Amino acid sequence: MTQAFVLGAGIGERLRPLTEQLPKPLIPVFHRPLITYAFDHLHAAGVRRLVVNTHHLAQAYDAAFPEKMYREMPVAFRHESPVRLETAGGIANVRDLLQEKPFLVYNGDILTDLPLEPLIREHEESGNIVTLALRSRGPALHIAYDEAGRRVTDIRNKLETGNEGTHLFTGIYACSPAIHEWITPGKVESVIPIFLNMIRAGVKVGAVVLDEGQWWDLGSRTQYLAAHAALNGMHGPAVHPEAQVSPEAVLRRVNVIGPGAVVEAGAQLEECILWPGARVVTGARLSRCIVRGGITAAGTFEDVDF
């Protein structure tokens, strides 16, 4: 499977004010856009062509990928306007770009290194229209999974099976071109009702459980901060070489400080994230705060985003 549709149109309401400056998939994670981790993950699994939908602050994608390329992979962007089409609508809207070939779908707000090869293999060998990547643990166990049949039987008990869910949906799945026959072009619709309609009709919604590796949903500031703390040192230095941190500043625990960021003498930081170009002035005392690019933070704050 050599192409993927990466969802980049999310508004990121839970991450405001961070997403007032950047779309959620472009927020920096260890100094580079979150979506590039998805691109690298897909590239390692054999994907060589990317399609990304945009909506909120779409011009930021032009700035991030001016050549419409990433690691020699062409990246085709499709803007959704005036309304965001949700996942199923987004898939229908890029049907021409996907060229009636199989594709992976990958949520643009997750950070994971789970193995994609078993998902691709299961999808290709089973002949499923869609195959979901699941995990047996996590914060939202909404998928009812039949292990023997390797299939999804319900989602949040919407089909009244009595099963509220046993597995987490990772936001990654493989699709055959036949998925387009289940989606109404131009309709604003999540993919979940599509899956439920398929199950009602007796069509197998396949799944594979991938508990290896780590998985993060970075749609909230809590998870955004937690992922940086947990992954410290795995994705480059916490303090970028091009950051300016005074030797008289105090840094406690893990602080991720981006290129061009400035931390003045006497500032105190604990478990903070500074985006490229952020500034923290003398006397500031920040704990679990996030400072966006171009913003100056002063004063004493805890769990506040600037």
Foldseek 3Di string as FASTA:
>chain_A
DAEAEEEQADQLPQAPPVSVVPGLQQDDDLAGGNQVLVVVLSVVLRHQEYEYEYERPVVVVCVRCVPCDDPNHHYHYHYDPDDDQADLQVCLRCLVVVPQFKYKYAYSQKHWNFHCNVQVVCCVVVVAQKEFEKAQDDDQFFWDADPVVQFTQDGCCPVVPPDRGRIGGQRMMIGGSCLSVQGDHPHRDYCVVSSVVCNVVVGTHGYDYTHPTDMFRNSHLVRSLVVSLVCAPVSDHQEDPQEAEDPQEAEARGERAYHCEYEEHQEYEYSEYEHHQEYEDHPEYEYSEYEYHPYYDHHYDYNYYD
